[in-house]
N, C-alpha and C. Protein backbone atom coordinates (compact mmCIF):
# COMPACT_ATOMS: atom_id res chain seq x y z
N UNK A 1 0.83 -1.20 0.00
CA UNK A 1 0.00 0.00 0.00
C UNK A 1 0.87 1.26 0.00
N UNK A 2 1.93 1.26 0.77
CA UNK A 2 2.82 2.42 0.84
C UNK A 2 3.47 2.70 -0.51
N UNK A 3 3.86 1.63 -1.23
CA UNK A 3 4.48 1.79 -2.54
C UNK A 3 3.52 2.49 -3.50
N UNK A 4 2.28 2.01 -3.55
CA UNK A 4 1.31 2.58 -4.48
C UNK A 4 0.93 4.01 -4.09
N UNK A 5 0.90 4.28 -2.80
CA UNK A 5 0.62 5.65 -2.35
C UNK A 5 1.73 6.58 -2.82
N UNK A 6 2.98 6.13 -2.67
CA UNK A 6 4.11 6.94 -3.14
C UNK A 6 4.09 7.13 -4.64
N UNK A 7 3.74 6.06 -5.37
CA UNK A 7 3.68 6.12 -6.83
C UNK A 7 2.62 7.12 -7.29
N UNK A 8 1.43 7.02 -6.72
CA UNK A 8 0.33 7.91 -7.13
C UNK A 8 0.61 9.36 -6.76
N UNK A 9 1.12 9.58 -5.56
CA UNK A 9 1.42 10.96 -5.16
C UNK A 9 2.55 11.52 -6.01
N UNK A 10 3.57 10.70 -6.26
CA UNK A 10 4.69 11.15 -7.09
C UNK A 10 4.24 11.55 -8.48
N UNK A 11 3.39 10.73 -9.11
CA UNK A 11 2.88 11.06 -10.44
C UNK A 11 2.00 12.30 -10.39
N UNK A 12 1.18 12.40 -9.36
CA UNK A 12 0.29 13.55 -9.26
C UNK A 12 1.04 14.86 -9.15
N UNK A 13 2.15 14.84 -8.46
CA UNK A 13 2.94 16.06 -8.29
C UNK A 13 3.75 16.42 -9.52
N UNK A 14 4.25 15.39 -10.20
CA UNK A 14 5.22 15.63 -11.26
C UNK A 14 4.59 15.90 -12.62
N UNK A 15 3.35 15.47 -12.81
CA UNK A 15 2.73 15.58 -14.14
C UNK A 15 2.45 17.02 -14.54
N UNK A 16 2.21 17.89 -13.56
CA UNK A 16 1.91 19.29 -13.88
C UNK A 16 3.02 19.89 -14.74
N UNK A 17 2.60 20.67 -15.75
CA UNK A 17 3.58 21.31 -16.64
C UNK A 17 4.33 22.38 -15.86
N UNK A 18 5.63 22.26 -15.86
CA UNK A 18 6.47 23.22 -15.16
C UNK A 18 7.74 23.47 -15.94
N UNK A 19 8.64 24.23 -15.35
CA UNK A 19 9.86 24.60 -16.04
C UNK A 19 10.70 23.38 -16.41
N UNK A 20 10.89 22.49 -15.45
CA UNK A 20 11.71 21.31 -15.68
C UNK A 20 11.09 20.42 -16.75
N UNK A 21 9.79 20.18 -16.66
CA UNK A 21 9.12 19.31 -17.63
C UNK A 21 9.15 19.90 -19.03
N UNK A 22 8.99 21.22 -19.13
CA UNK A 22 9.03 21.87 -20.44
C UNK A 22 10.40 21.70 -21.08
N UNK A 23 11.45 21.78 -20.27
CA UNK A 23 12.80 21.62 -20.81
C UNK A 23 13.02 20.18 -21.27
N UNK A 24 12.56 19.21 -20.48
CA UNK A 24 12.69 17.79 -20.86
C UNK A 24 11.94 17.53 -22.16
N UNK A 25 10.75 18.10 -22.28
CA UNK A 25 9.95 17.93 -23.49
C UNK A 25 10.68 18.51 -24.70
N UNK A 26 11.28 19.67 -24.52
CA UNK A 26 12.00 20.30 -25.63
C UNK A 26 13.19 19.46 -26.06
N UNK A 27 13.92 18.93 -25.10
CA UNK A 27 15.06 18.08 -25.45
C UNK A 27 14.60 16.81 -26.17
N UNK A 28 13.47 16.27 -25.74
CA UNK A 28 12.93 15.09 -26.41
C UNK A 28 12.52 15.38 -27.83
N UNK A 29 11.92 16.54 -28.05
CA UNK A 29 11.50 16.93 -29.40
C UNK A 29 12.71 17.10 -30.31
N UNK A 30 13.77 17.67 -29.77
CA UNK A 30 14.96 17.92 -30.58
C UNK A 30 15.90 16.72 -30.60
N UNK A 31 15.59 15.71 -29.78
CA UNK A 31 16.39 14.48 -29.71
C UNK A 31 17.86 14.78 -29.37
N UNK A 32 18.03 15.64 -28.39
CA UNK A 32 19.37 16.03 -27.96
C UNK A 32 19.62 15.57 -26.52
N UNK A 33 20.53 14.64 -26.36
CA UNK A 33 20.92 14.14 -25.03
C UNK A 33 19.70 13.70 -24.22
N UNK A 34 18.79 13.02 -24.88
CA UNK A 34 17.50 12.65 -24.27
C UNK A 34 17.70 11.75 -23.05
N UNK A 35 18.48 10.68 -23.22
CA UNK A 35 18.67 9.74 -22.11
C UNK A 35 19.33 10.42 -20.92
N UNK A 36 20.35 11.22 -21.18
CA UNK A 36 21.08 11.89 -20.10
C UNK A 36 20.17 12.84 -19.33
N UNK A 37 19.34 13.58 -20.04
CA UNK A 37 18.43 14.54 -19.40
C UNK A 37 17.40 13.80 -18.54
N UNK A 38 16.79 12.76 -19.11
CA UNK A 38 15.78 12.00 -18.37
C UNK A 38 16.40 11.35 -17.13
N UNK A 39 17.58 10.78 -17.30
CA UNK A 39 18.24 10.11 -16.18
C UNK A 39 18.63 11.11 -15.10
N UNK A 40 19.14 12.26 -15.51
CA UNK A 40 19.53 13.29 -14.53
C UNK A 40 18.33 13.72 -13.71
N UNK A 41 17.21 13.99 -14.37
CA UNK A 41 16.00 14.43 -13.66
C UNK A 41 15.50 13.36 -12.71
N UNK A 42 15.47 12.13 -13.17
CA UNK A 42 14.96 11.03 -12.35
C UNK A 42 15.86 10.77 -11.14
N UNK A 43 17.18 10.78 -11.36
CA UNK A 43 18.10 10.55 -10.26
C UNK A 43 18.07 11.71 -9.25
N UNK A 44 17.92 12.93 -9.76
CA UNK A 44 17.82 14.09 -8.87
C UNK A 44 16.57 13.98 -8.01
N UNK A 45 15.46 13.61 -8.64
CA UNK A 45 14.23 13.40 -7.88
C UNK A 45 14.41 12.33 -6.82
N UNK A 46 15.08 11.25 -7.21
CA UNK A 46 15.30 10.14 -6.27
C UNK A 46 16.06 10.62 -5.04
N UNK A 47 17.09 11.43 -5.26
CA UNK A 47 17.89 11.95 -4.15
C UNK A 47 17.07 12.87 -3.27
N UNK A 48 16.31 13.77 -3.90
CA UNK A 48 15.49 14.71 -3.14
C UNK A 48 14.39 14.00 -2.36
N UNK A 49 13.79 12.99 -2.98
CA UNK A 49 12.75 12.21 -2.30
C UNK A 49 13.34 11.49 -1.09
N UNK A 50 14.53 10.92 -1.29
CA UNK A 50 15.20 10.24 -0.18
C UNK A 50 15.49 11.22 0.96
N UNK A 51 15.90 12.44 0.62
CA UNK A 51 16.16 13.46 1.64
C UNK A 51 14.88 13.81 2.39
N UNK A 52 13.80 13.98 1.64
CA UNK A 52 12.53 14.32 2.27
C UNK A 52 12.02 13.23 3.18
N UNK A 53 12.03 12.00 2.70
CA UNK A 53 11.52 10.88 3.48
C UNK A 53 12.39 10.61 4.70
N UNK A 54 13.68 10.88 4.59
CA UNK A 54 14.58 10.62 5.72
C UNK A 54 14.51 11.70 6.78
N UNK A 55 13.69 12.72 6.55
CA UNK A 55 13.48 13.73 7.59
C UNK A 55 14.17 15.05 7.36
N UNK A 56 14.75 15.26 6.16
CA UNK A 56 15.44 16.52 5.90
C UNK A 56 14.47 17.70 5.90
N UNK A 57 13.21 17.43 5.53
CA UNK A 57 12.22 18.52 5.47
C UNK A 57 12.09 19.20 6.82
N UNK A 58 12.13 18.41 7.89
CA UNK A 58 11.99 18.98 9.23
C UNK A 58 13.16 19.90 9.54
N UNK A 59 14.33 19.61 8.99
CA UNK A 59 15.52 20.41 9.28
C UNK A 59 15.45 21.79 8.64
N UNK A 60 14.58 21.96 7.64
CA UNK A 60 14.49 23.26 6.95
C UNK A 60 14.02 24.36 7.89
N UNK A 61 13.33 23.99 8.97
CA UNK A 61 12.89 25.01 9.91
C UNK A 61 14.07 25.67 10.62
N UNK A 62 15.20 24.96 10.63
CA UNK A 62 16.40 25.51 11.26
C UNK A 62 17.15 26.45 10.33
N UNK A 63 16.74 26.50 9.06
CA UNK A 63 17.40 27.34 8.06
C UNK A 63 16.36 28.26 7.43
N UNK A 64 15.88 29.26 8.14
CA UNK A 64 14.81 30.12 7.62
C UNK A 64 15.20 30.92 6.39
N UNK A 65 16.51 31.07 6.15
CA UNK A 65 16.96 31.85 4.99
C UNK A 65 16.96 31.03 3.71
N UNK A 66 16.93 29.69 3.80
CA UNK A 66 17.04 28.85 2.62
C UNK A 66 15.88 29.03 1.64
N UNK A 67 14.63 29.06 2.10
CA UNK A 67 13.53 29.25 1.14
C UNK A 67 13.63 30.53 0.33
N UNK A 68 14.08 31.63 0.98
CA UNK A 68 14.19 32.89 0.26
C UNK A 68 15.29 32.85 -0.79
N UNK A 69 16.41 32.21 -0.47
CA UNK A 69 17.49 32.09 -1.44
C UNK A 69 17.02 31.27 -2.65
N UNK A 70 16.34 30.16 -2.38
CA UNK A 70 15.82 29.33 -3.46
C UNK A 70 14.79 30.10 -4.29
N UNK A 71 13.94 30.85 -3.62
CA UNK A 71 12.88 31.57 -4.32
C UNK A 71 13.44 32.60 -5.28
N UNK A 72 14.33 33.47 -4.81
CA UNK A 72 14.85 34.53 -5.68
C UNK A 72 15.85 34.01 -6.71
N UNK A 73 16.55 32.94 -6.36
CA UNK A 73 17.39 32.30 -7.37
C UNK A 73 16.54 31.72 -8.49
N UNK A 74 15.42 31.12 -8.12
CA UNK A 74 14.50 30.58 -9.11
C UNK A 74 13.88 31.67 -9.97
N UNK A 75 13.51 32.79 -9.35
CA UNK A 75 12.94 33.92 -10.09
C UNK A 75 13.92 34.41 -11.15
N UNK A 76 15.18 34.59 -10.76
CA UNK A 76 16.20 35.10 -11.69
C UNK A 76 16.42 34.14 -12.85
N UNK A 77 16.57 32.86 -12.54
CA UNK A 77 16.84 31.89 -13.60
C UNK A 77 15.65 31.73 -14.54
N UNK A 78 14.45 31.61 -13.99
CA UNK A 78 13.26 31.42 -14.81
C UNK A 78 12.98 32.64 -15.68
N UNK A 79 13.23 33.82 -15.15
CA UNK A 79 13.04 35.04 -15.93
C UNK A 79 14.00 35.07 -17.11
N UNK A 80 15.26 34.74 -16.85
CA UNK A 80 16.25 34.70 -17.93
C UNK A 80 15.84 33.69 -19.00
N UNK A 81 15.42 32.51 -18.60
CA UNK A 81 15.06 31.49 -19.59
C UNK A 81 13.79 31.88 -20.34
N UNK A 82 12.86 32.53 -19.67
CA UNK A 82 11.63 32.99 -20.33
C UNK A 82 11.95 34.00 -21.41
N UNK A 83 12.85 34.94 -21.11
CA UNK A 83 13.24 35.95 -22.11
C UNK A 83 13.96 35.29 -23.28
N UNK A 84 14.78 34.30 -22.98
CA UNK A 84 15.50 33.59 -24.05
C UNK A 84 14.51 32.87 -24.98
N UNK A 85 13.50 32.22 -24.39
CA UNK A 85 12.50 31.51 -25.19
C UNK A 85 11.65 32.50 -26.00
N UNK A 86 11.33 33.65 -25.39
CA UNK A 86 10.54 34.67 -26.08
C UNK A 86 11.28 35.21 -27.29
N UNK A 87 12.57 35.46 -27.13
CA UNK A 87 13.39 35.95 -28.24
C UNK A 87 13.43 34.91 -29.36
N UNK A 88 13.56 33.63 -28.98
CA UNK A 88 13.57 32.57 -29.99
C UNK A 88 12.24 32.50 -30.73
N UNK A 89 11.14 32.73 -30.01
CA UNK A 89 9.81 32.70 -30.65
C UNK A 89 9.65 33.86 -31.62
N UNK A 90 10.17 35.02 -31.27
CA UNK A 90 10.05 36.20 -32.13
C UNK A 90 10.93 36.06 -33.37
N UNK A 91 12.14 35.59 -33.17
CA UNK A 91 13.06 35.46 -34.29
C UNK A 91 12.65 34.35 -35.24
N UNK A 92 12.32 33.19 -34.65
CA UNK A 92 11.99 32.04 -35.49
C UNK A 92 13.20 31.58 -36.28
N UNK A 93 13.01 30.58 -37.10
CA UNK A 93 14.06 30.12 -37.99
C UNK A 93 15.16 29.33 -37.33
N UNK A 94 15.04 29.04 -36.03
CA UNK A 94 16.09 28.30 -35.34
C UNK A 94 15.61 26.90 -34.96
N UNK A 95 16.41 25.90 -35.32
CA UNK A 95 16.11 24.52 -34.96
C UNK A 95 14.67 24.15 -35.33
N UNK A 96 14.35 24.30 -36.59
CA UNK A 96 12.97 24.12 -37.01
C UNK A 96 12.54 22.66 -37.04
N UNK A 97 13.48 21.75 -37.10
CA UNK A 97 13.12 20.34 -37.13
C UNK A 97 13.83 19.61 -36.01
N UNK A 98 13.08 18.74 -35.36
CA UNK A 98 13.68 17.96 -34.28
C UNK A 98 14.85 17.15 -34.80
N UNK A 99 15.94 17.20 -34.06
CA UNK A 99 17.10 16.38 -34.42
C UNK A 99 18.01 17.02 -35.44
N UNK A 100 17.71 18.25 -35.87
CA UNK A 100 18.55 18.91 -36.87
C UNK A 100 19.22 20.12 -36.26
N UNK A 101 20.25 20.58 -36.90
CA UNK A 101 21.00 21.72 -36.41
C UNK A 101 22.08 21.29 -35.45
N UNK A 102 22.89 22.24 -35.06
CA UNK A 102 23.99 21.94 -34.14
C UNK A 102 23.46 21.80 -32.72
N UNK A 103 23.68 20.66 -32.12
CA UNK A 103 23.20 20.40 -30.78
C UNK A 103 24.16 21.00 -29.75
N UNK A 104 23.63 21.51 -28.65
CA UNK A 104 24.51 22.01 -27.59
C UNK A 104 25.25 20.84 -26.96
N UNK A 105 26.35 21.13 -26.30
CA UNK A 105 27.14 20.07 -25.67
C UNK A 105 26.36 19.43 -24.52
N UNK A 106 26.75 18.21 -24.18
CA UNK A 106 26.11 17.52 -23.07
C UNK A 106 26.29 18.32 -21.78
N UNK A 107 27.48 18.89 -21.60
CA UNK A 107 27.73 19.66 -20.40
C UNK A 107 26.79 20.85 -20.29
N UNK A 108 26.61 21.57 -21.39
CA UNK A 108 25.73 22.74 -21.38
C UNK A 108 24.29 22.34 -21.05
N UNK A 109 23.85 21.24 -21.63
CA UNK A 109 22.49 20.77 -21.38
C UNK A 109 22.32 20.36 -19.92
N UNK A 110 23.30 19.64 -19.37
CA UNK A 110 23.20 19.19 -17.98
C UNK A 110 23.26 20.36 -17.01
N UNK A 111 24.05 21.39 -17.34
CA UNK A 111 24.09 22.57 -16.48
C UNK A 111 22.71 23.23 -16.45
N UNK A 112 22.07 23.32 -17.62
CA UNK A 112 20.74 23.93 -17.68
C UNK A 112 19.70 23.12 -16.93
N UNK A 113 19.68 21.81 -17.15
CA UNK A 113 18.69 20.97 -16.47
C UNK A 113 18.97 20.91 -14.98
N UNK A 114 20.23 21.04 -14.58
CA UNK A 114 20.56 21.08 -13.16
C UNK A 114 19.97 22.33 -12.51
N UNK A 115 20.03 23.45 -13.23
CA UNK A 115 19.45 24.69 -12.70
C UNK A 115 17.94 24.55 -12.58
N UNK A 116 17.30 23.97 -13.61
CA UNK A 116 15.85 23.76 -13.56
C UNK A 116 15.46 22.85 -12.40
N UNK A 117 16.34 21.95 -12.05
CA UNK A 117 16.03 20.97 -11.01
C UNK A 117 16.39 21.47 -9.62
N UNK A 118 17.64 21.85 -9.44
CA UNK A 118 18.12 22.15 -8.08
C UNK A 118 17.88 23.58 -7.65
N UNK A 119 17.67 24.50 -8.61
CA UNK A 119 17.39 25.89 -8.24
C UNK A 119 15.91 26.21 -8.35
N UNK A 120 15.09 25.17 -8.47
CA UNK A 120 13.66 25.35 -8.65
C UNK A 120 12.92 25.06 -7.34
N UNK A 121 12.37 26.06 -6.69
CA UNK A 121 11.67 25.83 -5.42
C UNK A 121 10.52 24.84 -5.54
N UNK A 122 9.90 24.77 -6.73
CA UNK A 122 8.80 23.81 -6.93
C UNK A 122 9.29 22.39 -6.70
N UNK A 123 10.47 22.10 -7.22
CA UNK A 123 11.01 20.74 -7.08
C UNK A 123 11.25 20.42 -5.61
N UNK A 124 11.84 21.37 -4.89
CA UNK A 124 12.10 21.15 -3.47
C UNK A 124 10.80 21.02 -2.68
N UNK A 125 9.83 21.86 -3.02
CA UNK A 125 8.56 21.82 -2.31
C UNK A 125 7.87 20.47 -2.50
N UNK A 126 7.84 19.99 -3.75
CA UNK A 126 7.14 18.74 -4.05
C UNK A 126 7.85 17.52 -3.49
N UNK A 127 9.17 17.46 -3.71
CA UNK A 127 9.89 16.24 -3.34
C UNK A 127 10.30 16.20 -1.88
N UNK A 128 10.99 17.23 -1.43
CA UNK A 128 11.52 17.21 -0.07
C UNK A 128 10.44 17.53 0.96
N UNK A 129 9.73 18.65 0.76
CA UNK A 129 8.78 19.10 1.78
C UNK A 129 7.49 18.28 1.77
N UNK A 130 6.79 18.27 0.63
CA UNK A 130 5.48 17.62 0.59
C UNK A 130 5.57 16.11 0.73
N UNK A 131 6.39 15.47 -0.11
CA UNK A 131 6.54 14.02 -0.01
C UNK A 131 7.14 13.63 1.35
N UNK A 132 8.05 14.44 1.85
CA UNK A 132 8.63 14.17 3.16
C UNK A 132 7.58 14.20 4.25
N UNK A 133 6.66 15.18 4.15
CA UNK A 133 5.61 15.30 5.16
C UNK A 133 4.62 14.14 5.07
N UNK A 134 4.22 13.79 3.85
CA UNK A 134 3.25 12.70 3.67
C UNK A 134 3.83 11.36 4.09
N UNK A 135 5.12 11.19 3.90
CA UNK A 135 5.75 9.91 4.24
C UNK A 135 5.63 9.59 5.73
N UNK A 136 5.41 10.63 6.56
CA UNK A 136 5.27 10.40 7.99
C UNK A 136 4.07 9.51 8.30
N UNK A 137 3.11 9.44 7.38
CA UNK A 137 1.93 8.61 7.58
C UNK A 137 2.24 7.13 7.39
N UNK A 138 3.41 6.83 6.85
CA UNK A 138 3.76 5.44 6.54
C UNK A 138 4.96 4.98 7.36
N UNK A 139 4.93 5.29 8.64
CA UNK A 139 6.00 4.88 9.53
C UNK A 139 6.17 3.37 9.47
N UNK A 140 7.40 2.95 9.31
CA UNK A 140 7.66 1.52 9.18
C UNK A 140 7.65 1.04 7.74
N UNK A 141 7.16 1.90 6.84
CA UNK A 141 7.10 1.54 5.41
C UNK A 141 7.67 2.67 4.55
N UNK A 142 8.60 3.41 5.13
CA UNK A 142 9.15 4.57 4.42
C UNK A 142 9.89 4.18 3.15
N UNK A 143 10.60 3.06 3.18
CA UNK A 143 11.34 2.62 2.00
C UNK A 143 10.39 2.31 0.86
N UNK A 144 9.28 1.65 1.16
CA UNK A 144 8.29 1.32 0.13
C UNK A 144 7.67 2.59 -0.45
N UNK A 145 7.35 3.53 0.42
CA UNK A 145 6.76 4.80 -0.02
C UNK A 145 7.73 5.55 -0.93
N UNK A 146 8.98 5.67 -0.48
CA UNK A 146 9.99 6.37 -1.27
C UNK A 146 10.24 5.67 -2.60
N UNK A 147 10.24 4.33 -2.58
CA UNK A 147 10.45 3.57 -3.82
C UNK A 147 9.33 3.84 -4.81
N UNK A 148 8.11 3.92 -4.32
CA UNK A 148 6.98 4.23 -5.20
C UNK A 148 7.11 5.60 -5.83
N UNK A 149 7.47 6.60 -5.02
CA UNK A 149 7.62 7.96 -5.53
C UNK A 149 8.77 8.06 -6.53
N UNK A 150 9.87 7.37 -6.24
CA UNK A 150 11.02 7.37 -7.14
C UNK A 150 10.68 6.67 -8.46
N UNK A 151 9.93 5.56 -8.37
CA UNK A 151 9.49 4.86 -9.57
C UNK A 151 8.64 5.78 -10.45
N UNK A 152 7.79 6.58 -9.82
CA UNK A 152 6.95 7.52 -10.57
C UNK A 152 7.82 8.51 -11.34
N UNK A 153 8.89 8.98 -10.72
CA UNK A 153 9.78 9.94 -11.39
C UNK A 153 10.45 9.31 -12.60
N UNK A 154 10.97 8.10 -12.45
CA UNK A 154 11.62 7.43 -13.58
C UNK A 154 10.62 7.19 -14.71
N UNK A 155 9.43 6.71 -14.38
CA UNK A 155 8.41 6.45 -15.40
C UNK A 155 8.05 7.73 -16.14
N UNK A 156 7.85 8.79 -15.39
CA UNK A 156 7.40 10.04 -16.01
C UNK A 156 8.47 10.66 -16.89
N UNK A 157 9.67 10.83 -16.37
CA UNK A 157 10.70 11.54 -17.13
C UNK A 157 11.10 10.80 -18.40
N UNK A 158 11.22 9.48 -18.32
CA UNK A 158 11.59 8.75 -19.53
C UNK A 158 10.43 8.69 -20.53
N UNK A 159 9.20 8.63 -20.03
CA UNK A 159 8.04 8.66 -20.94
C UNK A 159 7.93 10.01 -21.63
N UNK A 160 8.15 11.08 -20.87
CA UNK A 160 8.07 12.43 -21.44
C UNK A 160 9.18 12.66 -22.45
N UNK A 161 10.40 12.28 -22.09
CA UNK A 161 11.55 12.53 -22.96
C UNK A 161 11.47 11.75 -24.26
N UNK A 162 11.13 10.47 -24.17
CA UNK A 162 11.11 9.64 -25.38
C UNK A 162 9.76 9.68 -26.09
N UNK A 163 8.70 10.01 -25.36
CA UNK A 163 7.39 10.13 -26.00
C UNK A 163 7.27 11.39 -26.83
N UNK A 164 8.12 12.38 -26.54
CA UNK A 164 8.07 13.65 -27.27
C UNK A 164 8.30 13.47 -28.76
N UNK A 165 9.06 12.44 -29.13
CA UNK A 165 9.37 12.25 -30.55
C UNK A 165 8.12 11.94 -31.38
N UNK A 166 7.04 11.51 -30.72
CA UNK A 166 5.79 11.26 -31.43
C UNK A 166 5.23 12.56 -32.00
N UNK A 167 5.64 13.68 -31.41
CA UNK A 167 5.18 14.99 -31.88
C UNK A 167 6.11 15.59 -32.94
N UNK A 168 7.16 14.85 -33.28
CA UNK A 168 8.16 15.37 -34.23
C UNK A 168 7.57 15.84 -35.56
N UNK A 169 6.62 15.10 -36.16
CA UNK A 169 6.06 15.59 -37.44
C UNK A 169 5.43 16.97 -37.33
N UNK A 170 4.77 17.23 -36.20
CA UNK A 170 4.16 18.54 -36.01
C UNK A 170 5.23 19.62 -35.94
N UNK A 171 6.35 19.31 -35.27
CA UNK A 171 7.39 20.31 -35.08
C UNK A 171 8.35 20.41 -36.26
N UNK A 172 8.02 19.73 -37.36
CA UNK A 172 8.76 19.94 -38.60
C UNK A 172 8.34 21.28 -39.23
N UNK A 173 7.23 21.84 -38.73
CA UNK A 173 6.74 23.13 -39.24
C UNK A 173 7.36 24.27 -38.43
N UNK A 174 7.91 25.26 -39.11
CA UNK A 174 8.54 26.39 -38.42
C UNK A 174 7.62 27.07 -37.40
N UNK A 175 6.34 27.22 -37.75
CA UNK A 175 5.40 27.90 -36.86
C UNK A 175 5.22 27.16 -35.54
N UNK A 176 5.30 25.83 -35.58
CA UNK A 176 5.10 25.03 -34.37
C UNK A 176 6.19 25.31 -33.35
N UNK A 177 7.45 25.44 -33.81
CA UNK A 177 8.53 25.74 -32.88
C UNK A 177 8.37 27.13 -32.27
N UNK A 178 7.89 28.07 -33.09
CA UNK A 178 7.70 29.42 -32.57
C UNK A 178 6.60 29.45 -31.51
N UNK A 179 5.53 28.72 -31.75
CA UNK A 179 4.45 28.63 -30.76
C UNK A 179 4.94 27.94 -29.49
N UNK A 180 5.71 26.86 -29.68
CA UNK A 180 6.23 26.12 -28.52
C UNK A 180 7.15 26.99 -27.68
N UNK A 181 8.04 27.75 -28.34
CA UNK A 181 8.93 28.65 -27.61
C UNK A 181 8.13 29.72 -26.86
N UNK A 182 7.06 30.20 -27.50
CA UNK A 182 6.22 31.19 -26.84
C UNK A 182 5.54 30.60 -25.60
N UNK A 183 5.05 29.38 -25.73
CA UNK A 183 4.41 28.71 -24.59
C UNK A 183 5.41 28.50 -23.45
N UNK A 184 6.63 28.10 -23.81
CA UNK A 184 7.66 27.92 -22.79
C UNK A 184 7.94 29.25 -22.09
N UNK A 185 8.03 30.33 -22.87
CA UNK A 185 8.26 31.65 -22.28
C UNK A 185 7.15 32.02 -21.31
N UNK A 186 5.91 31.71 -21.68
CA UNK A 186 4.77 32.02 -20.81
C UNK A 186 4.79 31.17 -19.54
N UNK A 187 5.12 29.89 -19.69
CA UNK A 187 5.18 29.00 -18.51
C UNK A 187 6.26 29.48 -17.55
N UNK A 188 7.47 29.70 -18.09
CA UNK A 188 8.58 30.14 -17.24
C UNK A 188 8.28 31.49 -16.59
N UNK A 189 7.74 32.41 -17.40
CA UNK A 189 7.44 33.74 -16.89
C UNK A 189 6.38 33.72 -15.80
N UNK A 190 5.34 32.90 -15.98
CA UNK A 190 4.27 32.84 -14.99
C UNK A 190 4.77 32.25 -13.68
N UNK A 191 5.63 31.23 -13.77
CA UNK A 191 6.18 30.63 -12.56
C UNK A 191 7.08 31.64 -11.84
N UNK A 192 7.90 32.36 -12.62
CA UNK A 192 8.78 33.37 -12.02
C UNK A 192 7.95 34.45 -11.32
N UNK A 193 6.86 34.84 -11.94
CA UNK A 193 5.99 35.88 -11.36
C UNK A 193 5.37 35.40 -10.05
N UNK A 194 4.86 34.16 -10.04
CA UNK A 194 4.25 33.62 -8.83
C UNK A 194 5.27 33.50 -7.71
N UNK A 195 6.49 33.11 -8.07
CA UNK A 195 7.54 33.02 -7.06
C UNK A 195 7.88 34.39 -6.49
N UNK A 196 7.98 35.38 -7.39
CA UNK A 196 8.31 36.73 -6.96
C UNK A 196 7.23 37.31 -6.04
N UNK A 197 5.97 36.91 -6.30
CA UNK A 197 4.86 37.40 -5.49
C UNK A 197 4.70 36.61 -4.19
N UNK A 198 5.58 35.61 -4.02
CA UNK A 198 5.56 34.87 -2.77
C UNK A 198 4.69 33.65 -2.77
N UNK A 199 4.18 33.24 -3.93
CA UNK A 199 3.33 32.07 -3.99
C UNK A 199 3.91 31.02 -4.89
N UNK A 200 3.45 29.77 -4.70
CA UNK A 200 3.87 28.68 -5.56
C UNK A 200 2.66 28.09 -6.24
């Protein structure tokens, strides 16, 4: 029961479209370092879930400055990425077909996805704080609960990353990439705004 509870809660939290998911989807569409990105996100989630379930969430009360640092760091990064996506949408003509054009280096991609993951307060809130708090209901079955939540992360990120290629024919059209970049800019911008206003 604890495993399935962790699995369902993990999927429920992670499915929402957010900055990290939008980036994974984009990499899947462009077929650039897909496995590495999916694996990095899943392993990062696994580590954060383990921290939350092991009681790290309770320790955050001893560090009242940490949430603010994460919040404003997230605002700065998401705003920068939103502007970058908006410029790409306005210019158009860049990477019009999935899998074509010069791909960024693996290091550059991992640095970006690391920022989306580790500098994103949403990720910390969902994995460490919320899952950590809920896990308290499964005393004696914490490993099963954490395993379920971690399994949800692996299933979701690899499905999103590799399932994106099914949309490749649509993104062979220049207009589709421009619309997608605009949507990414709106998602990133709205999250940055909510963070700046003090809400998640």
